[in-house]
Amino acid sequence: MEVFEIGFMGFCTVFAAVLGWIAGWAIMSSTYEGGPRNVKRACIFYCVVALAGLSLLAVSYFSGPGEYASSSEIYGRNVLHLSATAAFVCFLWASLITAFDARQCVIQWLDAAQCITQNVDVLFSICDVDKDGVISERDLDNTSGATLTARSIPSLVHRYMKNNISAVGHVMGSGGRTVYAISRADVQACQGKHQDLYKLWL
C-alpha cells in the first residue's frame, strides 16, 4: 500500500471518528432538558444503535470482498469499514460519557445561572466593555474569567456566558446573521429561566 493510500485511509478514519464524537455529544446533550430518565433512555437507545452498526460492520468485513474483487475495490472497502468503525466507536464513547456527565453538567449550569443573576452589577461593570448596556460576544472575548475571579465570581461564569450566550441572552439581528447579546433583563431572568429549563433535575 502506497504512502498516499495510507494517508488517505488515516484521514478518512480520523475525520469519521471526529464526526462520530460530535454527533454522540450533540445528540445526548440535547436530551438534558428532558431530565435524567430521558437521558438514560436516549443513552440506551443510541448505544444499541451503535452496537448494531458495529455488528453489521463486523459481519460485512468477515464475509470478505468477493473472489473477483480488484485491489482498488478491496482498498475502498477497507477504508469504508475502518472509517465507519471509528465513527460508531466514537459515537458510542461520546454518548456514554455525555450521559454519565449529565447531572454534573446540569448542576454546573444551574450554579452558573444563579451566580449570573446574583451579580448583575458586577458582571456589567466588568463584561460590558463598550458600555452600551448589553454584554456582547465581542465584550466576552475582551474579558477573562480571571477578571471575574478577582471579584469573587467563579471563572465558570464567564466561560458559561461565552460558550452558551444563546441560553443566557437574546437574539439581535446584525447584517443577516444571528448575533446574541445579554441585557440586564436577561441576567436577572437567567436563574429562573434555567431552573424552569432543567426543572426535572431539581
Protein backbone atom coordinates (compact mmCIF):
# COMPACT_ATOMS: atom_id res chain seq x y z
CA MET A 1 0.00 0.00 0.00
CA GLU A 2 1.43 3.36 -1.05
CA VAL A 3 2.03 6.28 1.30
CA PHE A 4 -0.82 8.25 -0.28
CA GLU A 5 -3.27 5.39 0.26
CA ILE A 6 -2.22 5.01 3.90
CA GLY A 7 -2.52 8.77 4.46
CA PHE A 8 -5.95 8.91 2.83
CA MET A 9 -7.17 5.99 4.92
CA GLY A 10 -5.86 7.66 8.07
CA PHE A 11 -7.51 10.97 7.16
CA CYS A 12 -10.89 9.33 6.49
CA THR A 13 -10.68 7.38 9.75
CA VAL A 14 -9.84 10.43 11.87
CA PHE A 15 -12.49 12.55 10.13
CA ALA A 16 -15.15 9.88 10.69
CA ALA A 17 -14.10 9.50 14.34
CA VAL A 18 -14.42 13.25 14.94
CA LEU A 19 -17.84 13.34 13.29
CA GLY A 20 -18.97 10.34 15.36
CA TRP A 21 -17.79 12.00 18.57
CA ILE A 22 -19.50 15.31 17.77
CA ALA A 23 -22.72 13.53 16.80
CA GLY A 24 -22.79 11.49 20.02
CA TRP A 25 -22.08 14.53 22.19
CA ALA A 26 -24.59 16.78 20.40
CA ILE A 27 -27.41 14.24 20.39
CA MET A 28 -27.01 13.31 24.06
CA SER A 29 -26.61 16.93 25.18
CA SER A 30 -29.91 17.77 23.51
CA THR A 31 -31.67 15.27 25.81
CA TYR A 32 -30.65 17.03 29.05
CA GLU A 33 -33.78 19.18 29.20
CA GLY A 34 -35.93 16.04 29.35
CA GLY A 35 -34.46 15.06 32.70
CA PRO A 36 -32.41 12.06 33.90
CA ARG A 37 -34.90 9.44 32.71
CA ASN A 38 -34.89 10.87 29.22
CA VAL A 39 -31.08 10.89 29.19
CA LYS A 40 -30.98 7.26 30.35
CA ARG A 41 -33.49 6.10 27.72
CA ALA A 42 -31.68 8.01 24.96
CA CYS A 43 -28.31 6.62 26.04
CA ILE A 44 -29.58 3.03 25.94
CA PHE A 45 -31.21 3.58 22.53
CA TYR A 46 -28.18 5.16 20.89
CA CYS A 47 -25.80 2.62 22.42
CA VAL A 48 -27.92 -0.17 20.93
CA VAL A 49 -27.86 1.62 17.56
CA ALA A 50 -24.05 1.96 17.71
CA LEU A 51 -23.54 -1.67 18.74
CA ALA A 52 -25.89 -2.84 15.99
CA GLY A 53 -23.91 -0.82 13.48
CA LEU A 54 -20.64 -2.31 14.72
CA SER A 55 -22.12 -5.82 14.49
CA LEU A 56 -23.22 -5.26 10.89
CA LEU A 57 -19.78 -3.93 10.02
CA ALA A 58 -18.13 -6.99 11.56
CA VAL A 59 -20.37 -9.35 9.58
CA SER A 60 -19.71 -7.39 6.39
CA TYR A 61 -15.94 -7.33 6.96
CA PHE A 62 -15.54 -11.04 7.73
CA SER A 63 -17.76 -12.05 4.81
CA GLY A 64 -14.92 -10.91 2.57
CA PRO A 65 -14.76 -8.73 -0.55
CA GLY A 66 -15.54 -11.48 -3.02
CA GLU A 67 -13.36 -13.73 -5.11
CA TYR A 68 -13.08 -11.39 -8.11
CA ALA A 69 -12.69 -8.05 -6.30
CA SER A 70 -9.92 -5.82 -7.62
CA SER A 71 -7.24 -4.29 -5.38
CA SER A 72 -8.89 -0.87 -5.63
CA GLU A 73 -12.24 -2.33 -4.56
CA ILE A 74 -10.59 -4.06 -1.60
CA TYR A 75 -8.85 -0.82 -0.63
CA GLY A 76 -12.07 1.19 -0.85
CA ARG A 77 -13.86 -1.44 1.20
CA ASN A 78 -11.18 -1.32 3.90
CA VAL A 79 -11.35 2.48 4.05
CA LEU A 80 -15.12 2.35 4.39
CA HIS A 81 -15.08 -0.31 7.10
CA LEU A 82 -12.31 1.34 9.12
CA SER A 83 -13.92 4.80 8.92
CA ALA A 84 -17.37 3.51 9.81
CA THR A 85 -15.97 1.52 12.72
CA ALA A 86 -14.17 4.59 14.07
CA ALA A 87 -17.35 6.67 13.71
CA PHE A 88 -19.52 4.15 15.57
CA VAL A 89 -16.96 3.59 18.34
CA CYS A 90 -16.51 7.33 18.95
CA PHE A 91 -20.27 7.88 18.77
CA LEU A 92 -20.77 5.17 21.40
CA TRP A 93 -18.00 6.54 23.61
CA ALA A 94 -19.21 10.14 23.39
CA SER A 95 -22.81 9.09 24.10
CA LEU A 96 -21.80 7.21 27.24
CA ILE A 97 -19.53 9.98 28.57
CA THR A 98 -22.08 12.70 27.87
CA ALA A 99 -24.82 10.68 29.56
CA PHE A 100 -22.71 9.94 32.65
CA ASP A 101 -21.69 13.60 32.94
CA ALA A 102 -25.25 14.88 32.52
CA ARG A 103 -26.06 15.56 36.17
CA GLN A 104 -22.72 17.22 36.89
CA CYS A 105 -23.07 19.43 33.80
CA VAL A 106 -26.61 20.49 34.66
CA ILE A 107 -25.60 21.29 38.25
CA GLN A 108 -22.72 23.44 36.97
CA TRP A 109 -25.04 25.26 34.57
CA LEU A 110 -27.59 25.92 37.32
CA ASP A 111 -24.84 27.19 39.64
CA ALA A 112 -23.53 29.46 36.88
CA ALA A 113 -27.04 30.78 36.17
CA GLN A 114 -27.60 31.51 39.87
CA CYS A 115 -24.27 33.33 40.11
CA ILE A 116 -25.06 35.33 36.98
CA THR A 117 -28.39 36.54 38.37
CA GLN A 118 -26.89 37.37 41.76
CA ASN A 119 -24.11 39.53 40.29
CA VAL A 120 -25.84 41.75 37.75
CA ASP A 121 -23.99 44.97 38.56
CA VAL A 122 -20.54 43.35 38.82
CA LEU A 123 -20.95 41.49 35.54
CA PHE A 124 -21.99 44.60 33.66
CA SER A 125 -19.26 46.74 35.20
CA ILE A 126 -16.63 44.22 34.04
CA CYS A 127 -18.03 42.49 30.95
CA ASP A 128 -19.83 45.38 29.25
CA VAL A 129 -16.57 46.69 27.84
CA ASP A 130 -18.03 49.23 25.41
CA LYS A 131 -20.66 50.37 27.96
CA ASP A 132 -23.57 50.09 25.51
CA GLY A 133 -25.90 48.44 28.00
CA VAL A 134 -25.52 44.86 26.73
CA ILE A 135 -22.84 42.20 27.02
CA SER A 136 -21.98 41.06 23.51
CA GLU A 137 -19.86 38.22 22.20
CA ARG A 138 -17.12 40.75 21.50
CA ASP A 139 -17.31 42.02 25.08
CA LEU A 140 -16.86 38.47 26.39
CA ASP A 141 -13.91 37.94 24.04
CA ASN A 142 -12.27 41.05 25.50
CA THR A 143 -12.67 39.95 29.13
CA SER A 144 -11.48 36.89 31.00
CA GLY A 145 -12.59 34.63 33.81
CA ALA A 146 -9.60 35.78 35.87
CA THR A 147 -11.07 39.28 35.98
CA LEU A 148 -14.28 37.94 37.49
CA THR A 149 -12.41 35.67 39.89
CA ALA A 150 -10.74 38.77 41.33
CA ARG A 151 -14.26 39.97 42.22
CA SER A 152 -15.14 36.62 43.90
CA ILE A 153 -17.09 35.33 40.89
CA PRO A 154 -16.06 31.85 39.64
CA SER A 155 -14.37 31.78 36.23
CA LEU A 156 -17.01 29.18 35.29
CA VAL A 157 -19.49 32.06 34.97
CA HIS A 158 -17.50 33.80 32.25
CA ARG A 159 -16.89 30.52 30.41
CA TYR A 160 -20.58 29.63 30.59
CA MET A 161 -21.72 33.04 29.34
CA LYS A 162 -19.24 32.88 26.47
CA ASN A 163 -19.96 29.30 25.39
CA ASN A 164 -23.71 29.44 25.99
CA ILE A 165 -24.59 33.03 25.19
CA SER A 166 -27.67 31.85 23.30
CA ALA A 167 -29.02 30.26 26.50
CA VAL A 168 -28.32 33.33 28.63
CA GLY A 169 -29.03 36.19 26.23
CA HIS A 170 -31.29 37.00 23.31
CA VAL A 171 -31.03 37.31 19.54
CA MET A 172 -30.00 40.58 17.96
CA GLY A 173 -30.12 40.84 14.17
CA SER A 174 -26.97 42.15 12.54
CA GLY A 175 -26.08 42.04 8.86
CA GLY A 176 -28.20 38.98 8.09
CA ARG A 177 -26.51 36.71 10.65
CA THR A 178 -27.68 35.69 14.10
CA VAL A 179 -25.95 37.65 16.86
CA TYR A 180 -26.56 37.17 20.57
CA ALA A 181 -26.26 39.70 23.37
CA ILE A 182 -27.03 39.71 27.09
CA SER A 183 -29.12 42.50 28.59
CA ARG A 184 -29.76 43.28 32.24
CA ALA A 185 -33.21 41.70 31.90
CA ASP A 186 -31.57 38.52 30.58
CA VAL A 187 -29.18 38.41 33.53
CA GLN A 188 -31.97 38.98 36.05
CA ALA A 189 -34.08 36.22 34.49
CA CYS A 190 -31.19 33.78 33.96
CA GLN A 191 -31.60 31.74 37.15
CA GLY A 192 -35.36 31.35 36.81
CA LYS A 193 -35.04 30.52 33.11
CA HIS A 194 -32.53 27.76 33.80
CA GLN A 195 -34.46 26.35 36.74
CA ASP A 196 -37.51 26.07 34.50
CA LEU A 197 -35.43 24.56 31.69
CA TYR A 198 -33.86 21.89 33.90
CA LYS A 199 -36.65 21.52 36.46
CA LEU A 200 -36.68 17.73 36.09
CA TRP A 201 -33.16 17.62 37.55
CA LEU A 202 -34.08 19.57 40.71
